Amino acid sequence: MFDVSFSELMLIGVIALIVIGPERLPKVARTIGHLLGRAQRYVNEVKSDIQKEMDLKDIGDIKHQMEDAARSVQTSMTSSVDDLKSAVTQPTQAIQDSLDEARKALDVKKDD
């Protein structure tokens, strides 16, 4: 995180010893350690929350892609079914028309 060498830490320790004093230095160091630990845990929690949100966003994107693919397949299938219906309906209608004409022709012959 910070690029602090051992000599810099020693300098900070000596200055802290002079400013704070040898009696209070262990308590201050312990307090600073606790505060740094809390800060580090807080930063790690924020990182994990951000990672979870990014994962949820990725999952949401995948969900939308799957829904789009499903809609595309459904549209394609509906189009294919409609084409198949029209392909079956046209010959069936032609046969139905022929049968109707034949019935009419038979009805005309019966009436004569």
PDB file of N, CA and C in Angstrom:
ATOM      1  N   MET A   1       0.829  -1.173   0.000  1.00  0.00           N
ATOM      2  CA  MET A   1       0.000   0.000   0.000  1.00  0.00           C
ATOM      3  C   MET A   1       0.881   1.246   0.000  1.00  0.00           C
ATOM      4  N   PHE A   2       1.615   1.463   1.063  1.00  0.00           N
ATOM      5  CA  PHE A   2       2.566   2.565   1.109  1.00  0.00           C
ATOM      6  C   PHE A   2       3.961   1.974   1.005  1.00  0.00           C
ATOM      7  N   ASP A   3       4.820   2.688   0.333  1.00  0.00           N
ATOM      8  CA  ASP A   3       6.196   2.211   0.187  1.00  0.00           C
ATOM      9  C   ASP A   3       7.036   2.886   1.270  1.00  0.00           C
ATOM     10  N   VAL A   4       7.062   2.242   2.456  1.00  0.00           N
ATOM     11  CA  VAL A   4       7.789   2.787   3.595  1.00  0.00           C
ATOM     12  C   VAL A   4       8.893   1.797   3.943  1.00  0.00           C
ATOM     13  N   SER A   5      10.112   2.288   3.977  1.00  0.00           N
ATOM     14  CA  SER A   5      11.234   1.392   4.285  1.00  0.00           C
ATOM     15  C   SER A   5      11.435   1.319   5.800  1.00  0.00           C
ATOM     16  N   PHE A   6      12.290   0.397   6.207  1.00  0.00           N
ATOM     17  CA  PHE A   6      12.558   0.185   7.628  1.00  0.00           C
ATOM     18  C   PHE A   6      13.180   1.430   8.262  1.00  0.00           C
ATOM     19  N   SER A   7      14.057   2.102   7.528  1.00  0.00           N
ATOM     20  CA  SER A   7      14.699   3.304   8.081  1.00  0.00           C
ATOM     21  C   SER A   7      13.675   4.418   8.315  1.00  0.00           C
ATOM     22  N   GLU A   8      12.695   4.529   7.441  1.00  0.00           N
ATOM     23  CA  GLU A   8      11.651   5.525   7.626  1.00  0.00           C
ATOM     24  C   GLU A   8      10.785   5.190   8.834  1.00  0.00           C
ATOM     25  N   LEU A   9      10.501   3.898   9.025  1.00  0.00           N
ATOM     26  CA  LEU A   9       9.737   3.485  10.200  1.00  0.00           C
ATOM     27  C   LEU A   9      10.496   3.775  11.487  1.00  0.00           C
ATOM     28  N   MET A  10      11.803   3.560  11.473  1.00  0.00           N
ATOM     29  CA  MET A  10      12.628   3.849  12.649  1.00  0.00           C
ATOM     30  C   MET A  10      12.602   5.353  12.959  1.00  0.00           C
ATOM     31  N   LEU A  11      12.673   6.183  11.936  1.00  0.00           N
ATOM     32  CA  LEU A  11      12.624   7.626  12.126  1.00  0.00           C
ATOM     33  C   LEU A  11      11.288   8.048  12.727  1.00  0.00           C
ATOM     34  N   ILE A  12      10.192   7.484  12.210  1.00  0.00           N
ATOM     35  CA  ILE A  12       8.870   7.786  12.749  1.00  0.00           C
ATOM     36  C   ILE A  12       8.785   7.332  14.202  1.00  0.00           C
ATOM     37  N   GLY A  13       9.334   6.159  14.517  1.00  0.00           N
ATOM     38  CA  GLY A  13       9.319   5.647  15.885  1.00  0.00           C
ATOM     39  C   GLY A  13      10.093   6.528  16.839  1.00  0.00           C
ATOM     40  N   VAL A  14      11.252   7.014  16.422  1.00  0.00           N
ATOM     41  CA  VAL A  14      12.063   7.877  17.278  1.00  0.00           C
ATOM     42  C   VAL A  14      11.350   9.202  17.522  1.00  0.00           C
ATOM     43  N   ILE A  15      10.754   9.770  16.476  1.00  0.00           N
ATOM     44  CA  ILE A  15      10.030  11.043  16.633  1.00  0.00           C
ATOM     45  C   ILE A  15       8.826  10.837  17.551  1.00  0.00           C
ATOM     46  N   ALA A  16       8.100   9.704  17.367  1.00  0.00           N
ATOM     47  CA  ALA A  16       6.950   9.409  18.226  1.00  0.00           C
ATOM     48  C   ALA A  16       7.395   9.237  19.669  1.00  0.00           C
ATOM     49  N   LEU A  17       8.534   8.578  19.895  1.00  0.00           N
ATOM     50  CA  LEU A  17       9.060   8.384  21.248  1.00  0.00           C
ATOM     51  C   LEU A  17       9.375   9.728  21.895  1.00  0.00           C
ATOM     52  N   ILE A  18       9.917  10.641  21.123  1.00  0.00           N
ATOM     53  CA  ILE A  18      10.273  11.967  21.661  1.00  0.00           C
ATOM     54  C   ILE A  18       9.016  12.787  21.926  1.00  0.00           C
ATOM     55  N   VAL A  19       8.073  12.793  20.984  1.00  0.00           N
ATOM     56  CA  VAL A  19       6.882  13.632  21.113  1.00  0.00           C
ATOM     57  C   VAL A  19       5.916  13.062  22.148  1.00  0.00           C
ATOM     58  N   ILE A  20       5.627  11.763  22.072  1.00  0.00           N
ATOM     59  CA  ILE A  20       4.610  11.153  22.932  1.00  0.00           C
ATOM     60  C   ILE A  20       5.198  10.777  24.297  1.00  0.00           C
ATOM     61  N   GLY A  21       6.382  10.306  24.294  1.00  0.00           N
ATOM     62  CA  GLY A  21       7.019   9.890  25.545  1.00  0.00           C
ATOM     63  C   GLY A  21       6.982   8.378  25.687  1.00  0.00           C
ATOM     64  N   PRO A  22       7.932   7.828  26.448  1.00  0.00           N
ATOM     65  CA  PRO A  22       8.022   6.375  26.569  1.00  0.00           C
ATOM     66  C   PRO A  22       6.865   5.743  27.353  1.00  0.00           C
ATOM     67  N   GLU A  23       6.169   6.497  28.208  1.00  0.00           N
ATOM     68  CA  GLU A  23       5.080   5.923  28.997  1.00  0.00           C
ATOM     69  C   GLU A  23       3.827   5.685  28.157  1.00  0.00           C
ATOM     70  N   ARG A  24       3.515   6.636  27.311  1.00  0.00           N
ATOM     71  CA  ARG A  24       2.267   6.548  26.528  1.00  0.00           C
ATOM     72  C   ARG A  24       2.466   5.925  25.148  1.00  0.00           C
ATOM     73  N   LEU A  25       3.685   5.738  24.709  1.00  0.00           N
ATOM     74  CA  LEU A  25       3.940   5.232  23.350  1.00  0.00           C
ATOM     75  C   LEU A  25       3.317   3.851  23.107  1.00  0.00           C
ATOM     76  N   PRO A  26       3.417   2.853  24.023  1.00  0.00           N
ATOM     77  CA  PRO A  26       2.779   1.555  23.750  1.00  0.00           C
ATOM     78  C   PRO A  26       1.261   1.653  23.600  1.00  0.00           C
ATOM     79  N   LYS A  27       0.631   2.471  24.450  1.00  0.00           N
ATOM     80  CA  LYS A  27      -0.829   2.632  24.350  1.00  0.00           C
ATOM     81  C   LYS A  27      -1.219   3.306  23.038  1.00  0.00           C
ATOM     82  N   VAL A  28      -0.483   4.331  22.640  1.00  0.00           N
ATOM     83  CA  VAL A  28      -0.768   5.033  21.381  1.00  0.00           C
ATOM     84  C   VAL A  28      -0.533   4.095  20.196  1.00  0.00           C
ATOM     85  N   ALA A  29       0.534   3.305  20.255  1.00  0.00           N
ATOM     86  CA  ALA A  29       0.816   2.367  19.161  1.00  0.00           C
ATOM     87  C   ALA A  29      -0.294   1.321  19.062  1.00  0.00           C
ATOM     88  N   ARG A  30      -0.776   0.823  20.215  1.00  0.00           N
ATOM     89  CA  ARG A  30      -1.865  -0.159  20.220  1.00  0.00           C
ATOM     90  C   ARG A  30      -3.127   0.462  19.639  1.00  0.00           C
ATOM     91  N   THR A  31      -3.437   1.674  20.032  1.00  0.00           N
ATOM     92  CA  THR A  31      -4.626   2.364  19.521  1.00  0.00           C
ATOM     93  C   THR A  31      -4.518   2.587  18.015  1.00  0.00           C
ATOM     94  N   ILE A  32      -3.365   3.013  17.558  1.00  0.00           N
ATOM     95  CA  ILE A  32      -3.158   3.219  16.114  1.00  0.00           C
ATOM     96  C   ILE A  32      -3.287   1.891  15.373  1.00  0.00           C
ATOM     97  N   GLY A  33      -2.765   0.817  15.962  1.00  0.00           N
ATOM     98  CA  GLY A  33      -2.896  -0.511  15.342  1.00  0.00           C
ATOM     99  C   GLY A  33      -4.347  -0.940  15.213  1.00  0.00           C
ATOM    100  N   HIS A  34      -5.142  -0.709  16.286  1.00  0.00           N
ATOM    101  CA  HIS A  34      -6.572  -1.040  16.231  1.00  0.00           C
ATOM    102  C   HIS A  34      -7.287  -0.208  15.164  1.00  0.00           C
ATOM    103  N   LEU A  35      -6.981   1.078  15.125  1.00  0.00           N
ATOM    104  CA  LEU A  35      -7.628   1.939  14.136  1.00  0.00           C
ATOM    105  C   LEU A  35      -7.257   1.538  12.708  1.00  0.00           C
ATOM    106  N   LEU A  36      -5.983   1.208  12.499  1.00  0.00           N
ATOM    107  CA  LEU A  36      -5.574   0.757  11.162  1.00  0.00           C
ATOM    108  C   LEU A  36      -6.239  -0.571  10.804  1.00  0.00           C
ATOM    109  N   GLY A  37      -6.381  -1.460  11.802  1.00  0.00           N
ATOM    110  CA  GLY A  37      -7.073  -2.732  11.557  1.00  0.00           C
ATOM    111  C   GLY A  37      -8.520  -2.517  11.160  1.00  0.00           C
ATOM    112  N   ARG A  38      -9.204  -1.617  11.892  1.00  0.00           N
ATOM    113  CA  ARG A  38     -10.599  -1.300  11.548  1.00  0.00           C
ATOM    114  C   ARG A  38     -10.692  -0.707  10.145  1.00  0.00           C
ATOM    115  N   ALA A  39      -9.792   0.209   9.840  1.00  0.00           N
ATOM    116  CA  ALA A  39      -9.803   0.838   8.514  1.00  0.00           C
ATOM    117  C   ALA A  39      -9.577  -0.212   7.423  1.00  0.00           C
ATOM    118  N   GLN A  40      -8.656  -1.136   7.686  1.00  0.00           N
ATOM    119  CA  GLN A  40      -8.374  -2.172   6.691  1.00  0.00           C
ATOM    120  C   GLN A  40      -9.589  -3.095   6.517  1.00  0.00           C
ATOM    121  N   ARG A  41     -10.250  -3.460   7.616  1.00  0.00           N
ATOM    122  CA  ARG A  41     -11.457  -4.297   7.507  1.00  0.00           C
ATOM    123  C   ARG A  41     -12.556  -3.561   6.747  1.00  0.00           C
ATOM    124  N   TYR A  42     -12.702  -2.262   7.032  1.00  0.00           N
ATOM    125  CA  TYR A  42     -13.708  -1.469   6.337  1.00  0.00           C
ATOM    126  C   TYR A  42     -13.424  -1.422   4.837  1.00  0.00           C
ATOM    127  N   VAL A  43     -12.174  -1.206   4.484  1.00  0.00           N
ATOM    128  CA  VAL A  43     -11.800  -1.156   3.063  1.00  0.00           C
ATOM    129  C   VAL A  43     -12.060  -2.510   2.411  1.00  0.00           C
ATOM    130  N   ASN A  44     -11.737  -3.601   3.112  1.00  0.00           N
ATOM    131  CA  ASN A  44     -11.981  -4.936   2.556  1.00  0.00           C
ATOM    132  C   ASN A  44     -13.476  -5.197   2.378  1.00  0.00           C
ATOM    133  N   GLU A  45     -14.303  -4.738   3.341  1.00  0.00           N
ATOM    134  CA  GLU A  45     -15.755  -4.896   3.204  1.00  0.00           C
ATOM    135  C   GLU A  45     -16.281  -4.118   2.004  1.00  0.00           C
ATOM    136  N   VAL A  46     -15.793  -2.902   1.830  1.00  0.00           N
ATOM    137  CA  VAL A  46     -16.226  -2.086   0.689  1.00  0.00           C
ATOM    138  C   VAL A  46     -15.804  -2.757  -0.618  1.00  0.00           C
ATOM    139  N   LYS A  47     -14.584  -3.284  -0.648  1.00  0.00           N
ATOM    140  CA  LYS A  47     -14.122  -3.987  -1.855  1.00  0.00           C
ATOM    141  C   LYS A  47     -15.007  -5.186  -2.159  1.00  0.00           C
ATOM    142  N   SER A  48     -15.337  -5.973  -1.112  1.00  0.00           N
ATOM    143  CA  SER A  48     -16.169  -7.160  -1.346  1.00  0.00           C
ATOM    144  C   SER A  48     -17.574  -6.753  -1.780  1.00  0.00           C
ATOM    145  N   ASP A  49     -18.119  -5.666  -1.216  1.00  0.00           N
ATOM    146  CA  ASP A  49     -19.439  -5.190  -1.651  1.00  0.00           C
ATOM    147  C   ASP A  49     -19.415  -4.747  -3.107  1.00  0.00           C
ATOM    148  N   ILE A  50     -18.370  -4.043  -3.475  1.00  0.00           N
ATOM    149  CA  ILE A  50     -18.239  -3.604  -4.866  1.00  0.00           C
ATOM    150  C   ILE A  50     -18.113  -4.808  -5.787  1.00  0.00           C
ATOM    151  N   GLN A  51     -17.339  -5.814  -5.367  1.00  0.00           N
ATOM    152  CA  GLN A  51     -17.183  -7.027  -6.187  1.00  0.00           C
ATOM    153  C   GLN A  51     -18.520  -7.755  -6.334  1.00  0.00           C
ATOM    154  N   LYS A  52     -19.295  -7.815  -5.237  1.00  0.00           N
ATOM    155  CA  LYS A  52     -20.612  -8.456  -5.311  1.00  0.00           C
ATOM    156  C   LYS A  52     -21.519  -7.717  -6.275  1.00  0.00           C
ATOM    157  N   GLU A  53     -21.502  -6.392  -6.209  1.00  0.00           N
ATOM    158  CA  GLU A  53     -22.333  -5.595  -7.122  1.00  0.00           C
ATOM    159  C   GLU A  53     -21.917  -5.815  -8.575  1.00  0.00           C
ATOM    160  N   MET A  54     -20.623  -5.899  -8.803  1.00  0.00           N
ATOM    161  CA  MET A  54     -20.146  -6.142 -10.172  1.00  0.00           C
ATOM    162  C   MET A  54     -20.573  -7.527 -10.639  1.00  0.00           C
ATOM    163  N   ASP A  55     -20.501  -8.518  -9.745  1.00  0.00           N
ATOM    164  CA  ASP A  55     -20.934  -9.865 -10.100  1.00  0.00           C
ATOM    165  C   ASP A  55     -22.425  -9.889 -10.398  1.00  0.00           C
ATOM    166  N   LEU A  56     -23.213  -9.170  -9.577  1.00  0.00           N
ATOM    167  CA  LEU A  56     -24.650  -9.102  -9.824  1.00  0.00           C
ATOM    168  C   LEU A  56     -24.946  -8.428 -11.157  1.00  0.00           C
ATOM    169  N   LYS A  57     -24.170  -7.401 -11.476  1.00  0.00           N
ATOM    170  CA  LYS A  57     -24.358  -6.724 -12.764  1.00  0.00           C
ATOM    171  C   LYS A  57     -24.037  -7.681 -13.908  1.00  0.00           C
ATOM    172  N   ASP A  58     -22.956  -8.450 -13.755  1.00  0.00           N
ATOM    173  CA  ASP A  58     -22.598  -9.419 -14.791  1.00  0.00           C
ATOM    174  C   ASP A  58     -23.692 -10.471 -14.946  1.00  0.00           C
ATOM    175  N   ILE A  59     -24.231 -10.932 -13.819  1.00  0.00           N
ATOM    176  CA  ILE A  59     -25.310 -11.920 -13.868  1.00  0.00           C
ATOM    177  C   ILE A  59     -26.538 -11.310 -14.534  1.00  0.00           C
ATOM    178  N   GLY A  60     -26.831 -10.052 -14.218  1.00  0.00           N
ATOM    179  CA  GLY A  60     -27.962  -9.366 -14.858  1.00  0.00           C
ATOM    180  C   GLY A  60     -27.763  -9.235 -16.356  1.00  0.00           C
ATOM    181  N   ASP A  61     -26.535  -8.922 -16.765  1.00  0.00           N
ATOM    182  CA  ASP A  61     -26.241  -8.828 -18.196  1.00  0.00           C
ATOM    183  C   ASP A  61     -26.428 -10.179 -18.880  1.00  0.00           C
ATOM    184  N   ILE A  62     -25.964 -11.239 -18.233  1.00  0.00           N
ATOM    185  CA  ILE A  62     -26.127 -12.586 -18.797  1.00  0.00           C
ATOM    186  C   ILE A  62     -27.608 -12.929 -18.878  1.00  0.00           C
ATOM    187  N   LYS A  63     -28.367 -12.552 -17.839  1.00  0.00           N
ATOM    188  CA  LYS A  63     -29.810 -12.816 -17.840  1.00  0.00           C
ATOM    189  C   LYS A  63     -30.477 -12.113 -19.023  1.00  0.00           C
ATOM    190  N   HIS A  64     -30.122 -10.846 -19.247  1.00  0.00           N
ATOM    191  CA  HIS A  64     -30.713 -10.112 -20.375  1.00  0.00           C
ATOM    192  C   HIS A  64     -30.326 -10.744 -21.708  1.00  0.00           C
ATOM    193  N   GLN A  65     -29.093 -11.212 -21.829  1.00  0.00           N
ATOM    194  CA  GLN A  65     -28.670 -11.877 -23.055  1.00  0.00           C
ATOM    195  C   GLN A  65     -29.474 -13.152 -23.281  1.00  0.00           C
ATOM    196  N   MET A  66     -29.683 -13.916 -22.205  1.00  0.00           N
ATOM    197  CA  MET A  66     -30.465 -15.152 -22.318  1.00  0.00           C
ATOM    198  C   MET A  66     -31.917 -14.851 -22.681  1.00  0.00           C
ATOM    199  N   GLU A  67     -32.477 -13.801 -22.075  1.00  0.00           N
ATOM    200  CA  GLU A  67     -33.854 -13.433 -22.410  1.00  0.00           C
ATOM    201  C   GLU A  67     -33.964 -13.011 -23.865  1.00  0.00           C
ATOM    202  N   ASP A  68     -32.997 -12.249 -24.356  1.00  0.00           N
ATOM    203  CA  ASP A  68     -32.996 -11.848 -25.766  1.00  0.00           C
ATOM    204  C   ASP A  68     -32.896 -13.062 -26.680  1.00  0.00           C
ATOM    205  N   ALA A  69     -32.023 -14.004 -26.308  1.00  0.00           N
ATOM    206  CA  ALA A  69     -31.880 -15.222 -27.112  1.00  0.00           C
ATOM    207  C   ALA A  69     -33.182 -16.021 -27.096  1.00  0.00           C
ATOM    208  N   ALA A  70     -33.834 -16.101 -25.931  1.00  0.00           N
ATOM    209  CA  ALA A  70     -35.101 -16.834 -25.829  1.00  0.00           C
ATOM    210  C   ALA A  70     -36.176 -16.167 -26.686  1.00  0.00           C
ATOM    211  N   ARG A  71     -36.227 -14.826 -26.655  1.00  0.00           N
ATOM    212  CA  ARG A  71     -37.196 -14.117 -27.497  1.00  0.00           C
ATOM    213  C   ARG A  71     -36.928 -14.364 -28.973  1.00  0.00           C
ATOM    214  N   SER A  72     -35.657 -14.380 -29.330  1.00  0.00           N
ATOM    215  CA  SER A  72     -35.289 -14.625 -30.721  1.00  0.00           C
ATOM    216  C   SER A  72     -35.714 -16.023 -31.153  1.00  0.00           C
ATOM    217  N   VAL A  73     -35.470 -17.011 -30.294  1.00  0.00           N
ATOM    218  CA  VAL A  73     -35.874 -18.387 -30.615  1.00  0.00           C
ATOM    219  C   VAL A  73     -37.390 -18.479 -30.701  1.00  0.00           C
ATOM    220  N   GLN A  74     -38.086 -17.806 -29.768  1.00  0.00           N
ATOM    221  CA  GLN A  74     -39.538 -17.849 -29.787  1.00  0.00           C
ATOM    222  C   GLN A  74     -40.083 -17.214 -31.067  1.00  0.00           C
ATOM    223  N   THR A  75     -39.525 -16.099 -31.470  1.00  0.00           N
ATOM    224  CA  THR A  75     -39.951 -15.441 -32.708  1.00  0.00           C
ATOM    225  C   THR A  75     -39.691 -16.330 -33.907  1.00  0.00           C
ATOM    226  N   SER A  76     -38.531 -16.949 -33.915  1.00  0.00           N
ATOM    227  CA  SER A  76     -38.185 -17.850 -35.016  1.00  0.00           C
ATOM    228  C   SER A  76     -39.138 -19.038 -35.066  1.00  0.00           C
ATOM    229  N   MET A  77     -39.432 -19.607 -33.902  1.00  0.00           N
ATOM    230  CA  MET A  77     -40.338 -20.759 -33.858  1.00  0.00           C
ATOM    231  C   MET A  77     -41.748 -20.352 -34.282  1.00  0.00           C
ATOM    232  N   THR A  78     -42.208 -19.195 -33.830  1.00  0.00           N
ATOM    233  CA  THR A  78     -43.538 -18.718 -34.212  1.00  0.00           C
ATOM    234  C   THR A  78     -43.604 -18.506 -35.721  1.00  0.00           C
ATOM    235  N   SER A  79     -42.569 -17.928 -36.286  1.00  0.00           N
ATOM    236  CA  SER A  79     -42.515 -17.720 -37.726  1.00  0.00           C
ATOM    237  C   SER A  79     -42.535 -19.047 -38.475  1.00  0.00           C
ATOM    238  N   SER A  80     -41.772 -20.018 -37.975  1.00  0.00           N
ATOM    239  CA  SER A  80     -41.734 -21.337 -38.617  1.00  0.00           C
ATOM    240  C   SER A  80     -43.091 -22.027 -38.537  1.00  0.00           C
ATOM    241  N   VAL A  81     -43.746 -21.920 -37.386  1.00  0.00           N
ATOM    242  CA  VAL A  81     -45.069 -22.535 -37.225  1.00  0.00           C
ATOM    243  C   VAL A  81     -46.068 -21.869 -38.160  1.00  0.00           C
ATOM    244  N   ASP A  82     -46.007 -20.544 -38.260  1.00  0.00           N
ATOM    245  CA  ASP A  82     -46.916 -19.834 -39.169  1.00  0.00           C
ATOM    246  C   ASP A  82     -46.673 -20.245 -40.620  1.00  0.00           C
ATOM    247  N   ASP A  83     -45.404 -20.372 -41.007  1.00  0.00           N
ATOM    248  CA  ASP A  83     -45.082 -20.818 -42.362  1.00  0.00           C
ATOM    249  C   ASP A  83     -45.601 -22.230 -42.609  1.00  0.00           C
ATOM    250  N   LEU A  84     -45.436 -23.088 -41.621  1.00  0.00           N
ATOM    251  CA  LEU A  84     -45.905 -24.470 -41.750  1.00  0.00           C
ATOM    252  C   LEU A  84     -47.426 -24.511 -41.845  1.00  0.00           C
ATOM    253  N   LYS A  85     -48.112 -23.694 -41.055  1.00  0.00           N
ATOM    254  CA  LYS A  85     -49.575 -23.642 -41.119  1.00  0.00           C
ATOM    255  C   LYS A  85     -50.042 -23.189 -42.492  1.00  0.00           C
ATOM    256  N   SER A  86     -49.383 -22.154 -43.016  1.00  0.00           N
ATOM    257  CA  SER A  86     -49.798 -21.670 -44.334  1.00  0.00           C
ATOM    258  C   SER A  86     -49.483 -22.706 -45.407  1.00  0.00           C
ATOM    259  N   ALA A  87     -48.384 -23.433 -45.253  1.00  0.00           N
ATOM    260  CA  ALA A  87     -48.044 -24.465 -46.232  1.00  0.00           C
ATOM    261  C   ALA A  87     -49.062 -25.600 -46.203  1.00  0.00           C
ATOM    262  N   VAL A  88     -49.616 -25.904 -45.035  1.00  0.00           N
ATOM    263  CA  VAL A  88     -50.622 -26.964 -44.916  1.00  0.00           C
ATOM    264  C   VAL A  88     -52.001 -26.434 -45.288  1.00  0.00           C
ATOM    265  N   THR A  89     -52.285 -25.190 -44.935  1.00  0.00           N
ATOM    266  CA  THR A  89     -53.618 -24.624 -45.160  1.00  0.00           C
ATOM    267  C   THR A  89     -53.914 -24.424 -46.640  1.00  0.00           C
ATOM    268  N   GLN A  90     -52.954 -23.990 -47.418  1.00  0.00           N
ATOM    269  CA  GLN A  90     -53.195 -23.737 -48.843  1.00  0.00           C
ATOM    270  C   GLN A  90     -53.606 -25.014 -49.586  1.00  0.00           C
ATOM    271  N   PRO A  91     -52.873 -26.115 -49.481  1.00  0.00           N
ATOM    272  CA  PRO A  91     -53.341 -27.325 -50.171  1.00  0.00           C
ATOM    273  C   PRO A  91     -54.661 -27.841 -49.602  1.00  0.00           C
ATOM    274  N   THR A  92     -54.829 -27.720 -48.291  1.00  0.00           N
ATOM    275  CA  THR A  92     -56.078 -28.174 -47.677  1.00  0.00           C
ATOM    276  C   THR A  92     -57.243 -27.352 -48.189  1.00  0.00           C
ATOM    277  N   GLN A  93     -57.043 -26.059 -48.314  1.00  0.00           N
ATOM    278  CA  GLN A  93     -58.094 -25.183 -48.829  1.00  0.00           C
ATOM    279  C   GLN A  93     -58.395 -25.520 -50.291  1.00  0.00           C
ATOM    280  N   ALA A  94     -57.358 -25.809 -51.043  1.00  0.00           N
ATOM    281  CA  ALA A  94     -57.568 -26.187 -52.447  1.00  0.00           C
ATOM    282  C   ALA A  94     -58.381 -27.473 -52.532  1.00  0.00           C
ATOM    283  N   ILE A  95     -58.071 -28.444 -51.704  1.00  0.00           N
ATOM    284  CA  ILE A  95     -58.832 -29.713 -51.690  1.00  0.00           C
ATOM    285  C   ILE A  95     -60.257 -29.449 -51.242  1.00  0.00           C
ATOM    286  N   GLN A  96     -60.426 -28.602 -50.212  1.00  0.00           N
ATOM    287  CA  GLN A  96     -61.769 -28.260 -49.728  1.00  0.00           C
ATOM    288  C   GLN A  96     -62.579 -27.590 -50.836  1.00  0.00           C
ATOM    289  N   ASP A  97     -61.967 -26.688 -51.589  1.00  0.00           N
ATOM    290  CA  ASP A  97     -62.667 -26.022 -52.696  1.00  0.00           C
ATOM    291  C   ASP A  97     -63.062 -27.035 -53.768  1.00  0.00           C
ATOM    292  N   SER A  98     -62.164 -27.980 -54.056  1.00  0.00           N
ATOM    293  CA  SER A  98     -62.478 -29.000 -55.058  1.00  0.00           C
ATOM    294  C   SER A  98     -63.641 -29.862 -54.598  1.00  0.00           C
ATOM    295  N   LEU A  99     -63.646 -30.234 -53.320  1.00  0.00           N
ATOM    296  CA  LEU A  99     -64.752 -31.030 -52.783  1.00  0.00           C
ATOM    297  C   LEU A  99     -66.064 -30.254 -52.811  1.00  0.00           C
ATOM    298  N   ASP A 100     -65.998 -28.967 -52.484  1.00  0.00           N
ATOM    299  CA  ASP A 100     -67.216 -28.153 -52.536  1.00  0.00           C
ATOM    300  C   ASP A 100     -67.762 -28.066 -53.958  1.00  0.00           C
ATOM    301  N   GLU A 101     -66.880 -27.906 -54.936  1.00  0.00           N
ATOM    302  CA  GLU A 101     -67.310 -27.863 -56.340  1.00  0.00           C
ATOM    303  C   GLU A 101     -67.914 -29.199 -56.762  1.00  0.00           C
ATOM    304  N   ALA A 102     -67.291 -30.287 -56.284  1.00  0.00           N
ATOM    305  CA  ALA A 102     -67.815 -31.609 -56.633  1.00  0.00           C
ATOM    306  C   ALA A 102     -69.191 -31.806 -56.005  1.00  0.00           C
ATOM    307  N   ARG A 103     -69.394 -31.359 -54.768  1.00  0.00           N
ATOM    308  CA  ARG A 103     -70.706 -31.479 -54.117  1.00  0.00           C
ATOM    309  C   ARG A 103     -71.749 -30.663 -54.871  1.00  0.00           C
ATOM    310  N   LYS A 104     -71.345 -29.461 -55.254  1.00  0.00           N
ATOM    311  CA  LYS A 104     -72.279 -28.619 -55.994  1.00  0.00           C
ATOM    312  C   LYS A 104     -72.645 -29.276 -57.324  1.00  0.00           C
ATOM    313  N   ALA A 105     -71.640 -29.867 -57.956  1.00  0.00           N
ATOM    314  CA  ALA A 105     -71.904 -30.530 -59.238  1.00  0.00           C
ATOM    315  C   ALA A 105     -72.854 -31.716 -59.040  1.00  0.00           C
ATOM    316  N   LEU A 106     -72.649 -32.465 -57.932  1.00  0.00           N
ATOM    317  CA  LEU A 106     -73.550 -33.596 -57.640  1.00  0.00           C
ATOM    318  C   LEU A 106     -74.943 -33.110 -57.276  1.00  0.00           C
ATOM    319  N   ASP A 107     -75.027 -32.025 -56.532  1.00  0.00           N
ATOM    320  CA  ASP A 107     -76.340 -31.470 -56.163  1.00  0.00           C
ATOM    321  C   ASP A 107     -77.081 -31.001 -57.406  1.00  0.00           C
ATOM    322  N   VAL A 108     -76.366 -30.423 -58.369  1.00  0.00           N
ATOM    323  CA  VAL A 108     -76.988 -29.949 -59.608  1.00  0.00           C
ATOM    324  C   VAL A 108     -77.489 -31.153 -60.397  1.00  0.00           C
ATOM    325  N   LYS A 109     -76.733 -32.258 -60.456  1.00  0.00           N
ATOM    326  CA  LYS A 109     -77.144 -33.449 -61.188  1.00  0.00           C
ATOM    327  C   LYS A 109     -78.337 -34.115 -60.516  1.00  0.00           C
ATOM    328  N   LYS A 110     -78.401 -34.070 -59.190  1.00  0.00           N
ATOM    329  CA  LYS A 110     -79.536 -34.676 -58.463  1.00  0.00           C
ATOM    330  C   LYS A 110     -80.794 -33.905 -58.728  1.00  0.00           C
ATOM    331  N   ASP A 111     -80.700 -32.595 -58.814  1.00  0.00           N
ATOM    332  CA  ASP A 111     -81.850 -31.751 -59.058  1.00  0.00           C
ATOM    333  C   ASP A 111     -82.384 -31.939 -60.465  1.00  0.00           C
ATOM    334  N   ASP A 112     -81.564 -32.332 -61.396  1.00  0.00           N
ATOM    335  CA  ASP A 112     -82.004 -32.480 -62.787  1.00  0.00           C
ATOM    336  C   ASP A 112     -82.784 -33.691 -62.933  1.00  0.00           C
TER     337      ASP A 112
END
